[in-house]
Amino acid sequence: MPATLIQHAYQKTKSLSFVRTRSMDGTFKELGRFPAEAGCTLVVSIRFKPDDRTQTLSGLQIYDLCDSQGAVVEKKQLQVAFHLIHRTRFEKLAHATGFRVVRLYGDYER
């Protein structure tokens, strides 16, 4: 599977607000389907589970390249883990390091 195909799908899904902690329950969720070469389709899915104690989110990003009949011809999985920084913590960190918060867009729950 070409890396450029994954990058293209990532750019498309990145603009979607999909990190909602209440919907991240360890089940698979499809983010989107994207046309690929030779009539194939790239299906992007995720499975994330939050850890409230550590405020982290970890799981998998799954990239399935499917042929025109829908059969998976190639599969890539990417382990992902990141820290969820909530608004008040972000603002405190920004101010503590000399930054001024100009604008904030959404949160993990909307």
N, C-alpha and C. Protein backbone atom coordinates (compact mmCIF):
# COMPACT_ATOMS: atom_id res chain seq x y z
N MET A 1 0.86 -1.17 0.00
CA MET A 1 0.00 0.00 0.00
C MET A 1 0.91 1.23 0.00
N PRO A 2 0.76 2.10 -0.97
CA PRO A 2 1.62 3.28 -1.05
C PRO A 2 1.42 4.22 0.14
N ALA A 3 2.51 4.71 0.68
CA ALA A 3 2.44 5.64 1.81
C ALA A 3 1.66 6.90 1.44
N THR A 4 1.73 7.31 0.18
CA THR A 4 1.01 8.51 -0.24
C THR A 4 -0.50 8.31 -0.13
N LEU A 5 -0.96 7.09 -0.34
CA LEU A 5 -2.39 6.80 -0.22
C LEU A 5 -2.83 6.94 1.23
N ILE A 6 -2.03 6.43 2.16
CA ILE A 6 -2.34 6.57 3.58
C ILE A 6 -2.28 8.04 3.99
N GLN A 7 -1.28 8.77 3.50
CA GLN A 7 -1.17 10.19 3.82
C GLN A 7 -2.39 10.96 3.31
N HIS A 8 -2.86 10.64 2.12
CA HIS A 8 -4.03 11.30 1.55
C HIS A 8 -5.25 11.04 2.43
N ALA A 9 -5.44 9.79 2.82
CA ALA A 9 -6.59 9.45 3.68
C ALA A 9 -6.45 10.12 5.03
N TYR A 10 -5.23 10.19 5.56
CA TYR A 10 -5.00 10.86 6.84
C TYR A 10 -5.38 12.33 6.76
N GLN A 11 -4.98 12.99 5.69
CA GLN A 11 -5.32 14.41 5.53
C GLN A 11 -6.83 14.60 5.47
N LYS A 12 -7.53 13.69 4.80
CA LYS A 12 -9.00 13.79 4.70
C LYS A 12 -9.65 13.56 6.06
N THR A 13 -9.20 12.54 6.81
CA THR A 13 -9.84 12.22 8.09
C THR A 13 -9.40 13.17 9.18
N LYS A 14 -8.22 13.77 9.04
CA LYS A 14 -7.73 14.69 10.05
C LYS A 14 -8.67 15.88 10.20
N SER A 15 -9.31 16.27 9.11
CA SER A 15 -10.21 17.41 9.18
C SER A 15 -11.53 17.05 9.85
N LEU A 16 -11.80 15.76 10.02
CA LEU A 16 -13.00 15.33 10.73
C LEU A 16 -12.71 15.35 12.22
N SER A 17 -13.64 15.80 13.00
CA SER A 17 -13.46 15.77 14.45
C SER A 17 -13.92 14.42 14.95
N PHE A 18 -13.00 13.48 15.11
CA PHE A 18 -13.40 12.14 15.49
C PHE A 18 -12.95 11.76 16.89
N VAL A 19 -12.13 12.57 17.53
CA VAL A 19 -11.68 12.20 18.87
C VAL A 19 -12.70 12.70 19.88
N ARG A 20 -13.61 11.83 20.22
CA ARG A 20 -14.62 12.11 21.23
C ARG A 20 -14.46 11.05 22.29
N THR A 21 -14.03 11.43 23.47
CA THR A 21 -13.71 10.41 24.47
C THR A 21 -14.92 9.54 24.80
N ARG A 22 -16.10 10.09 24.78
CA ARG A 22 -17.27 9.26 25.13
C ARG A 22 -17.59 8.23 24.05
N SER A 23 -17.13 8.44 22.82
CA SER A 23 -17.39 7.46 21.77
C SER A 23 -16.22 6.50 21.57
N MET A 24 -15.13 6.71 22.27
CA MET A 24 -13.96 5.84 22.16
C MET A 24 -14.09 4.75 23.22
N ASP A 25 -14.69 3.64 22.84
CA ASP A 25 -15.02 2.60 23.81
C ASP A 25 -14.35 1.27 23.49
N GLY A 26 -13.34 1.28 22.64
CA GLY A 26 -12.64 0.05 22.30
C GLY A 26 -13.24 -0.71 21.13
N THR A 27 -14.34 -0.20 20.55
CA THR A 27 -14.93 -0.86 19.39
C THR A 27 -14.41 -0.21 18.11
N PHE A 28 -14.46 -0.95 17.01
CA PHE A 28 -14.02 -0.42 15.72
C PHE A 28 -15.02 0.59 15.19
N LYS A 29 -14.51 1.69 14.64
CA LYS A 29 -15.34 2.71 14.02
C LYS A 29 -14.71 3.07 12.68
N GLU A 30 -15.53 3.06 11.64
CA GLU A 30 -15.03 3.43 10.31
C GLU A 30 -15.02 4.95 10.19
N LEU A 31 -13.88 5.49 9.75
CA LEU A 31 -13.75 6.93 9.56
C LEU A 31 -14.09 7.36 8.15
N GLY A 32 -13.84 6.50 7.19
CA GLY A 32 -14.12 6.89 5.82
C GLY A 32 -13.62 5.89 4.80
N ARG A 33 -14.12 6.07 3.57
CA ARG A 33 -13.71 5.26 2.42
C ARG A 33 -13.20 6.22 1.36
N PHE A 34 -12.04 5.87 0.77
CA PHE A 34 -11.39 6.76 -0.18
C PHE A 34 -11.01 5.99 -1.43
N PRO A 35 -11.27 6.57 -2.61
CA PRO A 35 -10.91 5.88 -3.86
C PRO A 35 -9.39 5.72 -3.96
N ALA A 36 -8.98 4.57 -4.46
CA ALA A 36 -7.56 4.28 -4.66
C ALA A 36 -7.35 3.79 -6.08
N GLU A 37 -6.14 3.40 -6.40
CA GLU A 37 -5.79 2.97 -7.76
C GLU A 37 -6.52 1.69 -8.14
N ALA A 38 -6.67 1.48 -9.43
CA ALA A 38 -7.22 0.24 -10.01
C ALA A 38 -8.58 -0.15 -9.45
N GLY A 39 -9.44 0.85 -9.19
CA GLY A 39 -10.78 0.56 -8.72
C GLY A 39 -10.86 0.11 -7.27
N CYS A 40 -9.76 0.22 -6.55
CA CYS A 40 -9.74 -0.17 -5.14
C CYS A 40 -10.27 0.96 -4.26
N THR A 41 -10.56 0.62 -3.02
CA THR A 41 -11.02 1.58 -2.03
C THR A 41 -10.19 1.41 -0.77
N LEU A 42 -9.75 2.53 -0.19
CA LEU A 42 -9.04 2.49 1.08
C LEU A 42 -10.06 2.77 2.18
N VAL A 43 -10.22 1.83 3.10
CA VAL A 43 -11.15 1.97 4.22
C VAL A 43 -10.32 2.26 5.47
N VAL A 44 -10.60 3.40 6.12
CA VAL A 44 -9.86 3.81 7.31
C VAL A 44 -10.76 3.64 8.53
N SER A 45 -10.26 2.88 9.50
CA SER A 45 -11.01 2.63 10.74
C SER A 45 -10.11 2.89 11.94
N ILE A 46 -10.75 3.05 13.09
CA ILE A 46 -10.00 3.24 14.34
C ILE A 46 -10.62 2.38 15.43
N ARG A 47 -9.82 2.11 16.42
CA ARG A 47 -10.28 1.50 17.65
C ARG A 47 -9.46 2.11 18.77
N PHE A 48 -10.07 2.98 19.56
CA PHE A 48 -9.39 3.67 20.65
C PHE A 48 -10.09 3.43 21.97
N LYS A 49 -9.33 3.47 23.02
CA LYS A 49 -9.87 3.34 24.36
C LYS A 49 -9.16 4.36 25.24
N PRO A 50 -9.93 5.21 25.94
CA PRO A 50 -9.29 6.20 26.82
C PRO A 50 -8.95 5.59 28.18
N ASP A 51 -7.93 6.14 28.80
CA ASP A 51 -7.58 5.80 30.18
C ASP A 51 -7.75 7.08 30.98
N ASP A 52 -8.83 7.16 31.74
CA ASP A 52 -9.13 8.38 32.49
C ASP A 52 -8.07 8.71 33.53
N ARG A 53 -7.45 7.69 34.10
CA ARG A 53 -6.44 7.92 35.12
C ARG A 53 -5.23 8.66 34.56
N THR A 54 -4.76 8.24 33.37
CA THR A 54 -3.57 8.85 32.77
C THR A 54 -3.92 9.92 31.73
N GLN A 55 -5.20 10.07 31.43
CA GLN A 55 -5.68 10.99 30.39
C GLN A 55 -5.01 10.72 29.05
N THR A 56 -4.90 9.44 28.72
CA THR A 56 -4.33 9.06 27.43
C THR A 56 -5.38 8.31 26.63
N LEU A 57 -5.15 8.27 25.34
CA LEU A 57 -6.00 7.54 24.41
C LEU A 57 -5.07 6.64 23.63
N SER A 58 -5.37 5.35 23.57
CA SER A 58 -4.50 4.45 22.82
C SER A 58 -5.35 3.48 22.01
N GLY A 59 -4.75 2.96 20.96
CA GLY A 59 -5.48 2.02 20.12
C GLY A 59 -4.83 1.85 18.76
N LEU A 60 -5.67 1.57 17.78
CA LEU A 60 -5.21 1.26 16.43
C LEU A 60 -5.86 2.16 15.40
N GLN A 61 -5.08 2.50 14.37
CA GLN A 61 -5.62 3.04 13.13
C GLN A 61 -5.45 1.91 12.12
N ILE A 62 -6.52 1.57 11.42
CA ILE A 62 -6.50 0.45 10.49
C ILE A 62 -6.75 0.95 9.07
N TYR A 63 -5.90 0.53 8.14
CA TYR A 63 -6.03 0.91 6.74
C TYR A 63 -6.23 -0.37 5.93
N ASP A 64 -7.43 -0.59 5.39
CA ASP A 64 -7.73 -1.75 4.56
C ASP A 64 -7.86 -1.31 3.11
N LEU A 65 -7.04 -1.88 2.24
CA LEU A 65 -7.16 -1.64 0.81
C LEU A 65 -8.04 -2.75 0.24
N CYS A 66 -9.21 -2.39 -0.27
CA CYS A 66 -10.19 -3.38 -0.75
C CYS A 66 -10.30 -3.31 -2.27
N ASP A 67 -10.47 -4.48 -2.88
CA ASP A 67 -10.66 -4.52 -4.33
C ASP A 67 -12.09 -4.11 -4.68
N SER A 68 -12.41 -4.15 -5.96
CA SER A 68 -13.74 -3.68 -6.41
C SER A 68 -14.88 -4.54 -5.89
N GLN A 69 -14.57 -5.76 -5.42
CA GLN A 69 -15.59 -6.64 -4.85
C GLN A 69 -15.70 -6.46 -3.33
N GLY A 70 -14.83 -5.63 -2.75
CA GLY A 70 -14.86 -5.40 -1.31
C GLY A 70 -13.95 -6.29 -0.50
N ALA A 71 -13.20 -7.17 -1.17
CA ALA A 71 -12.28 -8.05 -0.45
C ALA A 71 -11.01 -7.28 -0.08
N VAL A 72 -10.51 -7.50 1.13
CA VAL A 72 -9.29 -6.84 1.59
C VAL A 72 -8.10 -7.48 0.88
N VAL A 73 -7.33 -6.65 0.15
CA VAL A 73 -6.14 -7.14 -0.55
C VAL A 73 -4.87 -6.75 0.18
N GLU A 74 -4.96 -5.75 1.05
CA GLU A 74 -3.81 -5.33 1.84
C GLU A 74 -4.31 -4.64 3.09
N LYS A 75 -3.59 -4.87 4.19
CA LYS A 75 -4.01 -4.30 5.47
C LYS A 75 -2.78 -3.73 6.19
N LYS A 76 -2.93 -2.54 6.74
CA LYS A 76 -1.88 -1.92 7.56
C LYS A 76 -2.53 -1.49 8.88
N GLN A 77 -1.80 -1.68 9.97
CA GLN A 77 -2.28 -1.24 11.27
C GLN A 77 -1.20 -0.39 11.92
N LEU A 78 -1.63 0.66 12.57
CA LEU A 78 -0.72 1.58 13.22
C LEU A 78 -1.13 1.75 14.67
N GLN A 79 -0.26 1.37 15.59
CA GLN A 79 -0.52 1.57 17.01
C GLN A 79 -0.38 3.06 17.32
N VAL A 80 -1.33 3.60 18.05
CA VAL A 80 -1.34 5.02 18.36
C VAL A 80 -1.59 5.21 19.85
N ALA A 81 -0.88 6.16 20.45
CA ALA A 81 -1.13 6.55 21.83
C ALA A 81 -0.83 8.03 21.95
N PHE A 82 -1.72 8.76 22.58
CA PHE A 82 -1.46 10.17 22.80
C PHE A 82 -2.18 10.66 24.04
N HIS A 83 -1.70 11.78 24.54
CA HIS A 83 -2.23 12.38 25.76
C HIS A 83 -3.33 13.38 25.41
N LEU A 84 -4.43 13.29 26.11
CA LEU A 84 -5.54 14.22 25.92
C LEU A 84 -5.34 15.41 26.85
N ILE A 85 -5.11 16.55 26.29
CA ILE A 85 -4.93 17.75 27.11
C ILE A 85 -6.23 18.54 27.05
N HIS A 86 -6.87 18.65 28.19
CA HIS A 86 -8.15 19.36 28.23
C HIS A 86 -7.93 20.87 28.28
N ARG A 87 -8.97 21.60 27.99
CA ARG A 87 -8.89 23.05 27.82
C ARG A 87 -8.21 23.77 28.98
N THR A 88 -8.66 23.53 30.19
CA THR A 88 -8.08 24.27 31.32
C THR A 88 -6.60 23.96 31.49
N ARG A 89 -6.22 22.70 31.31
CA ARG A 89 -4.80 22.33 31.42
C ARG A 89 -3.99 22.97 30.29
N PHE A 90 -4.54 22.98 29.08
CA PHE A 90 -3.85 23.60 27.95
C PHE A 90 -3.62 25.09 28.22
N GLU A 91 -4.67 25.76 28.69
CA GLU A 91 -4.55 27.20 28.97
C GLU A 91 -3.51 27.48 30.05
N LYS A 92 -3.48 26.66 31.09
CA LYS A 92 -2.48 26.82 32.15
C LYS A 92 -1.07 26.61 31.62
N LEU A 93 -0.89 25.57 30.82
CA LEU A 93 0.43 25.30 30.23
C LEU A 93 0.86 26.43 29.30
N ALA A 94 -0.05 26.91 28.48
CA ALA A 94 0.27 28.00 27.55
C ALA A 94 0.68 29.26 28.31
N HIS A 95 -0.09 29.64 29.31
CA HIS A 95 0.22 30.84 30.08
C HIS A 95 1.52 30.69 30.86
N ALA A 96 1.75 29.50 31.41
CA ALA A 96 2.97 29.26 32.19
C ALA A 96 4.23 29.38 31.36
N THR A 97 4.12 29.16 30.06
CA THR A 97 5.29 29.23 29.19
C THR A 97 5.35 30.52 28.38
N GLY A 98 4.47 31.48 28.73
CA GLY A 98 4.54 32.78 28.10
C GLY A 98 3.68 32.97 26.87
N PHE A 99 2.85 32.01 26.54
CA PHE A 99 1.95 32.14 25.39
C PHE A 99 0.63 32.74 25.82
N ARG A 100 -0.05 33.33 24.86
CA ARG A 100 -1.38 33.88 25.08
C ARG A 100 -2.33 33.10 24.19
N VAL A 101 -3.40 32.57 24.79
CA VAL A 101 -4.39 31.82 24.02
C VAL A 101 -5.27 32.82 23.29
N VAL A 102 -5.29 32.73 21.97
CA VAL A 102 -6.08 33.64 21.16
C VAL A 102 -7.45 33.04 20.86
N ARG A 103 -7.47 31.77 20.49
CA ARG A 103 -8.72 31.12 20.09
C ARG A 103 -8.62 29.62 20.36
N LEU A 104 -9.70 29.04 20.80
CA LEU A 104 -9.78 27.59 20.99
C LEU A 104 -10.95 27.07 20.17
N TYR A 105 -10.79 25.89 19.59
CA TYR A 105 -11.82 25.31 18.74
C TYR A 105 -12.26 23.97 19.29
N GLY A 106 -13.45 23.91 19.86
CA GLY A 106 -14.04 22.65 20.30
C GLY A 106 -13.31 21.99 21.45
N ASP A 107 -13.70 20.78 21.73
CA ASP A 107 -13.06 19.97 22.76
C ASP A 107 -13.28 18.50 22.41
N TYR A 108 -12.94 17.61 23.32
CA TYR A 108 -13.04 16.19 23.05
C TYR A 108 -14.47 15.65 23.21
N GLU A 109 -15.39 16.46 23.71
CA GLU A 109 -16.73 15.99 23.98
C GLU A 109 -17.78 16.48 23.01
N ARG A 110 -17.47 17.44 22.15
CA ARG A 110 -18.46 17.96 21.21
C ARG A 110 -18.38 17.30 19.88
